[in-house]
């Protein structure tokens, strides 16, 4: 028996929707939703523009709430960065 026969075959899923809509003060937020979920969940990830390191992340029950949370995170990071000089 080969090791390939032991792999679990997961059902095909739709790709998550990605909206890269928000940027502020050198930061960028990406939003992900799972169209096959039974209830709406919007995940967001905040990073510096052009960098891969995740600085903040979370999930909300609507796109509007996720955008507010991401904007709050970017605003707080910008304030801390400018205060540090």
PDB file of N, CA and C in Angstrom:
ATOM      1  N   UNK A   1       0.847  -1.171   0.000  1.00  0.00           N
ATOM      2  CA  UNK A   1       0.000   0.000   0.000  1.00  0.00           C
ATOM      3  C   UNK A   1       0.896   1.239   0.000  1.00  0.00           C
ATOM      4  N   UNK A   2       0.683   2.132  -0.928  1.00  0.00           N
ATOM      5  CA  UNK A   2       1.512   3.336  -0.997  1.00  0.00           C
ATOM      6  C   UNK A   2       0.984   4.383  -0.031  1.00  0.00           C
ATOM      7  N   UNK A   3       1.847   5.360   0.293  1.00  0.00           N
ATOM      8  CA  UNK A   3       1.442   6.414   1.219  1.00  0.00           C
ATOM      9  C   UNK A   3       0.362   7.305   0.610  1.00  0.00           C
ATOM     10  N   UNK A   4       0.284   7.353  -0.716  1.00  0.00           N
ATOM     11  CA  UNK A   4      -0.738   8.172  -1.365  1.00  0.00           C
ATOM     12  C   UNK A   4      -2.135   7.648  -1.082  1.00  0.00           C
ATOM     13  N   UNK A   5      -2.286   6.353  -0.894  1.00  0.00           N
ATOM     14  CA  UNK A   5      -3.614   5.801  -0.652  1.00  0.00           C
ATOM     15  C   UNK A   5      -4.140   6.175   0.731  1.00  0.00           C
ATOM     16  N   UNK A   6      -3.303   6.683   1.603  1.00  0.00           N
ATOM     17  CA  UNK A   6      -3.713   7.065   2.947  1.00  0.00           C
ATOM     18  C   UNK A   6      -4.160   8.526   3.032  1.00  0.00           C
ATOM     19  N   UNK A   7      -3.999   9.285   1.960  1.00  0.00           N
ATOM     20  CA  UNK A   7      -4.384  10.687   1.991  1.00  0.00           C
ATOM     21  C   UNK A   7      -5.895  10.837   2.021  1.00  0.00           C
ATOM     22  N   UNK A   8      -6.349  11.831   2.743  1.00  0.00           N
ATOM     23  CA  UNK A   8      -7.778  12.121   2.810  1.00  0.00           C
ATOM     24  C   UNK A   8      -8.128  13.022   1.642  1.00  0.00           C
ATOM     25  N   UNK A   9      -9.228  12.726   0.982  1.00  0.00           N
ATOM     26  CA  UNK A   9      -9.676  13.536  -0.147  1.00  0.00           C
ATOM     27  C   UNK A   9     -10.757  14.483   0.350  1.00  0.00           C
ATOM     28  N   UNK A  10     -10.436  15.778   0.436  1.00  0.00           N
ATOM     29  CA  UNK A  10     -11.389  16.776   0.885  1.00  0.00           C
ATOM     30  C   UNK A  10     -12.245  17.238  -0.280  1.00  0.00           C
ATOM     31  N   UNK A  11     -13.501  17.577  -0.023  1.00  0.00           N
ATOM     32  CA  UNK A  11     -14.354  18.059  -1.114  1.00  0.00           C
ATOM     33  C   UNK A  11     -13.852  19.395  -1.649  1.00  0.00           C
ATOM     34  N   UNK A  12     -14.099  19.619  -2.933  1.00  0.00           N
ATOM     35  CA  UNK A  12     -13.679  20.871  -3.558  1.00  0.00           C
ATOM     36  C   UNK A  12     -14.470  22.020  -2.943  1.00  0.00           C
ATOM     37  N   UNK A  13     -13.781  23.142  -2.716  1.00  0.00           N
ATOM     38  CA  UNK A  13     -14.431  24.327  -2.150  1.00  0.00           C
ATOM     39  C   UNK A  13     -14.161  25.513  -3.042  1.00  0.00           C
ATOM     40  N   UNK A  14     -15.038  26.462  -2.961  1.00  0.00           N
ATOM     41  CA  UNK A  14     -14.807  27.704  -3.687  1.00  0.00           C
ATOM     42  C   UNK A  14     -13.646  28.425  -3.039  1.00  0.00           C
ATOM     43  N   UNK A  15     -12.880  29.156  -3.843  1.00  0.00           N
ATOM     44  CA  UNK A  15     -11.784  29.947  -3.297  1.00  0.00           C
ATOM     45  C   UNK A  15     -12.351  31.105  -2.486  1.00  0.00           C
ATOM     46  N   UNK A  16     -11.659  31.497  -1.409  1.00  0.00           N
ATOM     47  CA  UNK A  16     -12.136  32.645  -0.646  1.00  0.00           C
ATOM     48  C   UNK A  16     -12.058  33.918  -1.485  1.00  0.00           C
ATOM     49  N   UNK A  17     -12.982  34.814  -1.250  1.00  0.00           N
ATOM     50  CA  UNK A  17     -12.993  36.093  -1.928  1.00  0.00           C
ATOM     51  C   UNK A  17     -11.994  37.007  -1.235  1.00  0.00           C
ATOM     52  N   UNK A  18     -11.139  37.653  -1.990  1.00  0.00           N
ATOM     53  CA  UNK A  18     -10.159  38.573  -1.435  1.00  0.00           C
ATOM     54  C   UNK A  18     -10.463  39.958  -1.975  1.00  0.00           C
ATOM     55  N   UNK A  19     -10.597  40.923  -1.079  1.00  0.00           N
ATOM     56  CA  UNK A  19     -10.770  42.312  -1.494  1.00  0.00           C
ATOM     57  C   UNK A  19      -9.655  43.120  -0.864  1.00  0.00           C
ATOM     58  N   UNK A  20      -8.780  43.645  -1.671  1.00  0.00           N
ATOM     59  CA  UNK A  20      -7.693  44.483  -1.153  1.00  0.00           C
ATOM     60  C   UNK A  20      -8.131  45.929  -1.343  1.00  0.00           C
ATOM     61  N   UNK A  21      -8.896  46.427  -0.378  1.00  0.00           N
ATOM     62  CA  UNK A  21      -9.523  47.729  -0.584  1.00  0.00           C
ATOM     63  C   UNK A  21      -8.991  48.841   0.295  1.00  0.00           C
ATOM     64  N   UNK A  22      -8.400  48.509   1.431  1.00  0.00           N
ATOM     65  CA  UNK A  22      -8.036  49.568   2.359  1.00  0.00           C
ATOM     66  C   UNK A  22      -6.537  49.712   2.526  1.00  0.00           C
ATOM     67  N   UNK A  23      -6.092  50.960   2.528  1.00  0.00           N
ATOM     68  CA  UNK A  23      -4.712  51.263   2.890  1.00  0.00           C
ATOM     69  C   UNK A  23      -4.709  52.608   3.585  1.00  0.00           C
ATOM     70  N   UNK A  24      -3.801  52.745   4.537  1.00  0.00           N
ATOM     71  CA  UNK A  24      -3.717  53.981   5.306  1.00  0.00           C
ATOM     72  C   UNK A  24      -2.366  54.066   5.992  1.00  0.00           C
ATOM     73  N   UNK A  25      -1.719  55.211   5.866  1.00  0.00           N
ATOM     74  CA  UNK A  25      -0.476  55.467   6.596  1.00  0.00           C
ATOM     75  C   UNK A  25       0.616  54.447   6.371  1.00  0.00           C
ATOM     76  N   UNK A  26       0.743  53.911   5.174  1.00  0.00           N
ATOM     77  CA  UNK A  26       1.770  52.923   4.884  1.00  0.00           C
ATOM     78  C   UNK A  26       1.374  51.499   5.217  1.00  0.00           C
ATOM     79  N   UNK A  27       0.139  51.288   5.647  1.00  0.00           N
ATOM     80  CA  UNK A  27      -0.364  49.966   5.985  1.00  0.00           C
ATOM     81  C   UNK A  27      -1.431  49.557   4.978  1.00  0.00           C
ATOM     82  N   UNK A  28      -1.675  48.260   4.896  1.00  0.00           N
ATOM     83  CA  UNK A  28      -2.627  47.723   3.937  1.00  0.00           C
ATOM     84  C   UNK A  28      -3.438  46.618   4.605  1.00  0.00           C
ATOM     85  N   UNK A  29      -4.741  46.571   4.309  1.00  0.00           N
ATOM     86  CA  UNK A  29      -5.604  45.527   4.859  1.00  0.00           C
ATOM     87  C   UNK A  29      -6.178  44.697   3.724  1.00  0.00           C
ATOM     88  N   UNK A  30      -6.129  43.378   3.881  1.00  0.00           N
ATOM     89  CA  UNK A  30      -6.736  42.442   2.937  1.00  0.00           C
ATOM     90  C   UNK A  30      -7.898  41.765   3.655  1.00  0.00           C
ATOM     91  N   UNK A  31      -8.968  41.502   2.906  1.00  0.00           N
ATOM     92  CA  UNK A  31     -10.172  40.910   3.478  1.00  0.00           C
ATOM     93  C   UNK A  31     -10.477  39.597   2.772  1.00  0.00           C
ATOM     94  N   UNK A  32     -10.849  38.592   3.553  1.00  0.00           N
ATOM     95  CA  UNK A  32     -11.143  37.260   3.037  1.00  0.00           C
ATOM     96  C   UNK A  32     -12.504  36.819   3.540  1.00  0.00           C
ATOM     97  N   UNK A  33     -13.328  36.285   2.652  1.00  0.00           N
ATOM     98  CA  UNK A  33     -14.593  35.684   3.061  1.00  0.00           C
ATOM     99  C   UNK A  33     -14.666  34.286   2.478  1.00  0.00           C
ATOM    100  N   UNK A  34     -15.369  33.412   3.151  1.00  0.00           N
ATOM    101  CA  UNK A  34     -15.563  32.048   2.674  1.00  0.00           C
ATOM    102  C   UNK A  34     -16.985  31.936   2.150  1.00  0.00           C
ATOM    103  N   UNK A  35     -17.156  31.886   0.826  1.00  0.00           N
ATOM    104  CA  UNK A  35     -18.503  31.859   0.271  1.00  0.00           C
ATOM    105  C   UNK A  35     -19.290  30.584   0.593  1.00  0.00           C
ATOM    106  N   UNK A  36     -18.636  29.548   1.060  1.00  0.00           N
ATOM    107  CA  UNK A  36     -19.356  28.312   1.367  1.00  0.00           C
ATOM    108  C   UNK A  36     -19.733  28.206   2.845  1.00  0.00           C
ATOM    109  N   UNK A  37     -19.384  29.202   3.649  1.00  0.00           N
ATOM    110  CA  UNK A  37     -19.713  29.164   5.077  1.00  0.00           C
ATOM    111  C   UNK A  37     -21.216  29.335   5.288  1.00  0.00           C
ATOM    112  N   UNK A  38     -21.728  28.730   6.342  1.00  0.00           N
ATOM    113  CA  UNK A  38     -23.155  28.818   6.651  1.00  0.00           C
ATOM    114  C   UNK A  38     -23.552  30.191   7.192  1.00  0.00           C
ATOM    115  N   UNK A  39     -22.608  30.917   7.754  1.00  0.00           N
ATOM    116  CA  UNK A  39     -22.873  32.251   8.275  1.00  0.00           C
ATOM    117  C   UNK A  39     -21.712  33.149   7.849  1.00  0.00           C
ATOM    118  N   UNK A  40     -21.955  34.441   7.702  1.00  0.00           N
ATOM    119  CA  UNK A  40     -20.895  35.324   7.194  1.00  0.00           C
ATOM    120  C   UNK A  40     -19.767  35.519   8.206  1.00  0.00           C
ATOM    121  N   UNK A  41     -18.557  35.306   7.750  1.00  0.00           N
ATOM    122  CA  UNK A  41     -17.357  35.590   8.525  1.00  0.00           C
ATOM    123  C   UNK A  41     -16.387  36.275   7.579  1.00  0.00           C
ATOM    124  N   UNK A  42     -15.919  37.441   7.978  1.00  0.00           N
ATOM    125  CA  UNK A  42     -14.959  38.182   7.175  1.00  0.00           C
ATOM    126  C   UNK A  42     -13.665  38.258   7.979  1.00  0.00           C
ATOM    127  N   UNK A  43     -12.598  37.725   7.422  1.00  0.00           N
ATOM    128  CA  UNK A  43     -11.280  37.764   8.047  1.00  0.00           C
ATOM    129  C   UNK A  43     -10.510  38.931   7.458  1.00  0.00           C
ATOM    130  N   UNK A  44      -9.710  39.601   8.281  1.00  0.00           N
ATOM    131  CA  UNK A  44      -8.858  40.666   7.757  1.00  0.00           C
ATOM    132  C   UNK A  44      -7.437  40.483   8.255  1.00  0.00           C
ATOM    133  N   UNK A  45      -6.501  40.923   7.424  1.00  0.00           N
ATOM    134  CA  UNK A  45      -5.078  40.841   7.720  1.00  0.00           C
ATOM    135  C   UNK A  45      -4.476  42.207   7.404  1.00  0.00           C
ATOM    136  N   UNK A  46      -3.715  42.760   8.350  1.00  0.00           N
ATOM    137  CA  UNK A  46      -3.074  44.063   8.164  1.00  0.00           C
ATOM    138  C   UNK A  46      -1.568  43.873   8.139  1.00  0.00           C
ATOM    139  N   UNK A  47      -0.922  44.508   7.174  1.00  0.00           N
ATOM    140  CA  UNK A  47       0.536  44.473   7.062  1.00  0.00           C
ATOM    141  C   UNK A  47       1.009  45.823   6.529  1.00  0.00           C
ATOM    142  N   UNK A  48       2.324  46.031   6.545  1.00  0.00           N
ATOM    143  CA  UNK A  48       2.870  47.214   5.881  1.00  0.00           C
ATOM    144  C   UNK A  48       2.789  46.973   4.386  1.00  0.00           C
ATOM    145  N   UNK A  49       2.590  48.029   3.630  1.00  0.00           N
ATOM    146  CA  UNK A  49       2.521  47.895   2.174  1.00  0.00           C
ATOM    147  C   UNK A  49       3.795  47.241   1.657  1.00  0.00           C
ATOM    148  N   UNK A  50       3.651  46.215   0.842  1.00  0.00           N
ATOM    149  CA  UNK A  50       4.778  45.547   0.220  1.00  0.00           C
ATOM    150  C   UNK A  50       5.503  44.552   1.108  1.00  0.00           C
ATOM    151  N   UNK A  51       5.026  44.323   2.330  1.00  0.00           N
ATOM    152  CA  UNK A  51       5.673  43.375   3.236  1.00  0.00           C
ATOM    153  C   UNK A  51       4.720  42.230   3.569  1.00  0.00           C
ATOM    154  N   UNK A  52       5.274  41.085   3.906  1.00  0.00           N
ATOM    155  CA  UNK A  52       4.466  39.890   4.177  1.00  0.00           C
ATOM    156  C   UNK A  52       4.127  39.717   5.653  1.00  0.00           C
ATOM    157  N   UNK A  53       4.845  40.381   6.554  1.00  0.00           N
ATOM    158  CA  UNK A  53       4.613  40.187   7.986  1.00  0.00           C
ATOM    159  C   UNK A  53       3.219  40.666   8.381  1.00  0.00           C
ATOM    160  N   UNK A  54       2.467  39.808   9.061  1.00  0.00           N
ATOM    161  CA  UNK A  54       1.132  40.153   9.536  1.00  0.00           C
ATOM    162  C   UNK A  54       1.282  40.916  10.848  1.00  0.00           C
ATOM    163  N   UNK A  55       0.756  42.137  10.861  1.00  0.00           N
ATOM    164  CA  UNK A  55       0.838  42.982  12.046  1.00  0.00           C
ATOM    165  C   UNK A  55      -0.439  42.936  12.887  1.00  0.00           C
ATOM    166  N   UNK A  56      -1.555  42.678  12.252  1.00  0.00           N
ATOM    167  CA  UNK A  56      -2.837  42.555  12.953  1.00  0.00           C
ATOM    168  C   UNK A  56      -3.752  41.674  12.117  1.00  0.00           C
ATOM    169  N   UNK A  57      -4.646  40.988  12.773  1.00  0.00           N
ATOM    170  CA  UNK A  57      -5.618  40.167  12.067  1.00  0.00           C
ATOM    171  C   UNK A  57      -6.813  39.960  12.971  1.00  0.00           C
ATOM    172  N   UNK A  58      -7.923  39.593  12.361  1.00  0.00           N
ATOM    173  CA  UNK A  58      -9.130  39.342  13.133  1.00  0.00           C
ATOM    174  C   UNK A  58     -10.244  38.883  12.221  1.00  0.00           C
ATOM    175  N   UNK A  59     -11.416  38.726  12.799  1.00  0.00           N
ATOM    176  CA  UNK A  59     -12.580  38.354  12.007  1.00  0.00           C
ATOM    177  C   UNK A  59     -13.797  39.056  12.575  1.00  0.00           C
ATOM    178  N   UNK A  60     -14.720  39.359  11.680  1.00  0.00           N
ATOM    179  CA  UNK A  60     -15.961  40.038  12.041  1.00  0.00           C
ATOM    180  C   UNK A  60     -17.103  39.380  11.289  1.00  0.00           C
ATOM    181  N   UNK A  61     -18.314  39.739  11.643  1.00  0.00           N
ATOM    182  CA  UNK A  61     -19.488  39.121  11.022  1.00  0.00           C
ATOM    183  C   UNK A  61     -19.979  39.858   9.782  1.00  0.00           C
ATOM    184  N   UNK A  62     -19.330  40.978   9.428  1.00  0.00           N
ATOM    185  CA  UNK A  62     -19.698  41.699   8.209  1.00  0.00           C
ATOM    186  C   UNK A  62     -18.477  42.396   7.634  1.00  0.00           C
ATOM    187  N   UNK A  63     -18.546  42.722   6.344  1.00  0.00           N
ATOM    188  CA  UNK A  63     -17.449  43.432   5.701  1.00  0.00           C
ATOM    189  C   UNK A  63     -17.276  44.809   6.334  1.00  0.00           C
ATOM    190  N   UNK A  64     -18.369  45.480   6.646  1.00  0.00           N
ATOM    191  CA  UNK A  64     -18.293  46.812   7.235  1.00  0.00           C
ATOM    192  C   UNK A  64     -17.581  46.783   8.587  1.00  0.00           C
ATOM    193  N   UNK A  65     -17.920  45.816   9.428  1.00  0.00           N
ATOM    194  CA  UNK A  65     -17.277  45.694  10.739  1.00  0.00           C
ATOM    195  C   UNK A  65     -15.801  45.339  10.588  1.00  0.00           C
ATOM    196  N   UNK A  66     -15.470  44.489   9.636  1.00  0.00           N
ATOM    197  CA  UNK A  66     -14.072  44.120   9.401  1.00  0.00           C
ATOM    198  C   UNK A  66     -13.279  45.323   8.901  1.00  0.00           C
ATOM    199  N   UNK A  67     -13.882  46.134   8.031  1.00  0.00           N
ATOM    200  CA  UNK A  67     -13.190  47.327   7.537  1.00  0.00           C
ATOM    201  C   UNK A  67     -12.951  48.320   8.666  1.00  0.00           C
ATOM    202  N   UNK A  68     -13.926  48.504   9.547  1.00  0.00           N
ATOM    203  CA  UNK A  68     -13.746  49.409  10.692  1.00  0.00           C
ATOM    204  C   UNK A  68     -12.624  48.909  11.598  1.00  0.00           C
ATOM    205  N   UNK A  69     -12.620  47.616  11.887  1.00  0.00           N
ATOM    206  CA  UNK A  69     -11.599  47.043  12.768  1.00  0.00           C
ATOM    207  C   UNK A  69     -10.208  47.173  12.147  1.00  0.00           C
ATOM    208  N   UNK A  70     -10.102  46.918  10.856  1.00  0.00           N
ATOM    209  CA  UNK A  70      -8.810  47.036  10.172  1.00  0.00           C
ATOM    210  C   UNK A  70      -8.339  48.488  10.152  1.00  0.00           C
ATOM    211  N   UNK A  71      -9.257  49.413   9.879  1.00  0.00           N
ATOM    212  CA  UNK A  71      -8.890  50.834   9.886  1.00  0.00           C
ATOM    213  C   UNK A  71      -8.439  51.274  11.272  1.00  0.00           C
ATOM    214  N   UNK A  72      -9.126  50.816  12.312  1.00  0.00           N
ATOM    215  CA  UNK A  72      -8.716  51.140  13.683  1.00  0.00           C
ATOM    216  C   UNK A  72      -7.311  50.616  13.957  1.00  0.00           C
ATOM    217  N   UNK A  73      -7.037  49.389  13.531  1.00  0.00           N
ATOM    218  CA  UNK A  73      -5.709  48.793  13.741  1.00  0.00           C
ATOM    219  C   UNK A  73      -4.637  49.585  12.990  1.00  0.00           C
ATOM    220  N   UNK A  74      -4.912  49.943  11.731  1.00  0.00           N
ATOM    221  CA  UNK A  74      -3.928  50.702  10.954  1.00  0.00           C
ATOM    222  C   UNK A  74      -3.701  52.075  11.558  1.00  0.00           C
ATOM    223  N   UNK A  75      -4.760  52.726  12.027  1.00  0.00           N
ATOM    224  CA  UNK A  75      -4.639  54.045  12.644  1.00  0.00           C
ATOM    225  C   UNK A  75      -3.789  53.969  13.914  1.00  0.00           C
ATOM    226  N   UNK A  76      -4.052  52.959  14.760  1.00  0.00           N
ATOM    227  CA  UNK A  76      -3.267  52.790  15.989  1.00  0.00           C
ATOM    228  C   UNK A  76      -1.798  52.523  15.686  1.00  0.00           C
ATOM    229  N   UNK A  77      -1.516  51.689  14.691  1.00  0.00           N
ATOM    230  CA  UNK A  77      -0.126  51.400  14.324  1.00  0.00           C
ATOM    231  C   UNK A  77       0.570  52.657  13.805  1.00  0.00           C
ATOM    232  N   UNK A  78      -0.128  53.425  13.000  1.00  0.00           N
ATOM    233  CA  UNK A  78       0.442  54.660  12.462  1.00  0.00           C
ATOM    234  C   UNK A  78       0.759  55.636  13.591  1.00  0.00           C
ATOM    235  N   UNK A  79      -0.161  55.786  14.550  1.00  0.00           N
ATOM    236  CA  UNK A  79       0.083  56.694  15.684  1.00  0.00           C
ATOM    237  C   UNK A  79       1.293  56.235  16.485  1.00  0.00           C
ATOM    238  N   UNK A  80       1.395  54.934  16.769  1.00  0.00           N
ATOM    239  CA  UNK A  80       2.542  54.424  17.532  1.00  0.00           C
ATOM    240  C   UNK A  80       3.842  54.633  16.769  1.00  0.00           C
ATOM    241  N   UNK A  81       3.811  54.405  15.452  1.00  0.00           N
ATOM    242  CA  UNK A  81       5.008  54.550  14.628  1.00  0.00           C
ATOM    243  C   UNK A  81       5.479  56.009  14.594  1.00  0.00           C
ATOM    244  N   UNK A  82       4.545  56.938  14.409  1.00  0.00           N
ATOM    245  CA  UNK A  82       4.933  58.355  14.340  1.00  0.00           C
ATOM    246  C   UNK A  82       5.344  58.876  15.709  1.00  0.00           C
ATOM    247  N   UNK A  83       4.766  58.359  16.790  1.00  0.00           N
ATOM    248  CA  UNK A  83       5.151  58.793  18.126  1.00  0.00           C
ATOM    249  C   UNK A  83       6.547  58.299  18.502  1.00  0.00           C
ATOM    250  N   UNK A  84       6.924  57.144  17.949  1.00  0.00           N
ATOM    251  CA  UNK A  84       8.249  56.577  18.236  1.00  0.00           C
ATOM    252  C   UNK A  84       9.339  57.332  17.500  1.00  0.00           C
ATOM    253  N   UNK A  85       8.954  58.048  16.460  1.00  0.00           N
ATOM    254  CA  UNK A  85       9.884  58.896  15.733  1.00  0.00           C
ATOM    255  C   UNK A  85      10.622  58.193  14.711  1.00  0.00           C
TER     256      UNK A  85
END
